[in-house]
């Protein structure tokens, strides 16, 4: 048995062979995390004292990070008492993942390869979650996948998902070819630590690619409903896709005053908007003073692993303060 101590003084015990993240969750403590497979890097932490052993490959860590004592709490187990340079997330206290039955209430094509799914929960089992979190959905055939919640936390009796078709994807075949209204599914959640931190006085910048807009949609609705003293100074959204059809909704109506910048990486000759990657479009606007300076900003990013890892490094190198980049990387599965 090892004792793990966090930088805020919170401690918990861990059994041998149990990841530090799982040990924390078992004690009711939530550490930053998302994919739980070692690929997204959300649970990265620096070991100040003690030793750990990898249970599986920490894919998201560079050789330099490994050399300087960084680990992933989802892939590493303590082999002695350990001090970690992270804190638990008190905002998630009391929000427990649970298995809930749900029926399909709405199926709507938002784009040829994107399906809007609305799930209806039992009247006595509303889902308590924070905007930005996700759920693991299991189909009637027993196939499970993770989807971000696109609906507002203020309507916990219904859960909206935005599902992209994946070529050869087992659950994609269900959503796009077999799913019917009133089908009975189950989901486990909420999960993840992608949620809004206190934003008063900050410039909030959102980066999304593809269906990474889903949790950000939920966040924008939360901001819209927040009292004046909790409002950020400004809110900007960069949403990227390959082609115009990939930007299948207009998020401008979600929040008064939102500055929305659509970005295409493969726009045709008719496209007159921003081009390339969302993080590059943001830096271009910062340089030309069309976007707020990064020193007073907090960035929330959701989408592909490539975008997340690229944006994290690029923005840190260009003045985004440490600890103000929050993200949820979509890890591919079939």
Foldseek 3Di string as FASTA:
>chain_A
DAWEAEPVGDIFDDDPPAQQQVRCVVVQWHAADFPLPLQQCRQKWFWPDADKDFQDDNNNDDPVCVVRRIDGSSGIDGPYHTYIHGDTDPVCRPQFKDKFKWFWADWDDLFPFKIKTKTAGPPVDFHQDAQFWWKWKAAPVGDTDIFHFQAANVCRRMTITIDGQDVVDPVSCCSPPPDDGGGMIMIIDRDGDQHDDQADAFEEEEEEEQSQCRSVNRRLLVLQPDDPRRHHPAYEYEYEYAEPSSPRDDSPVSHPRYHYFYEHAHYDPPDPGHYDGRLVVVVVCCVVVVGPQLQRHAYEYEEASVNLVVNVVVSVVRHNDPPRYHYHHDDDDD
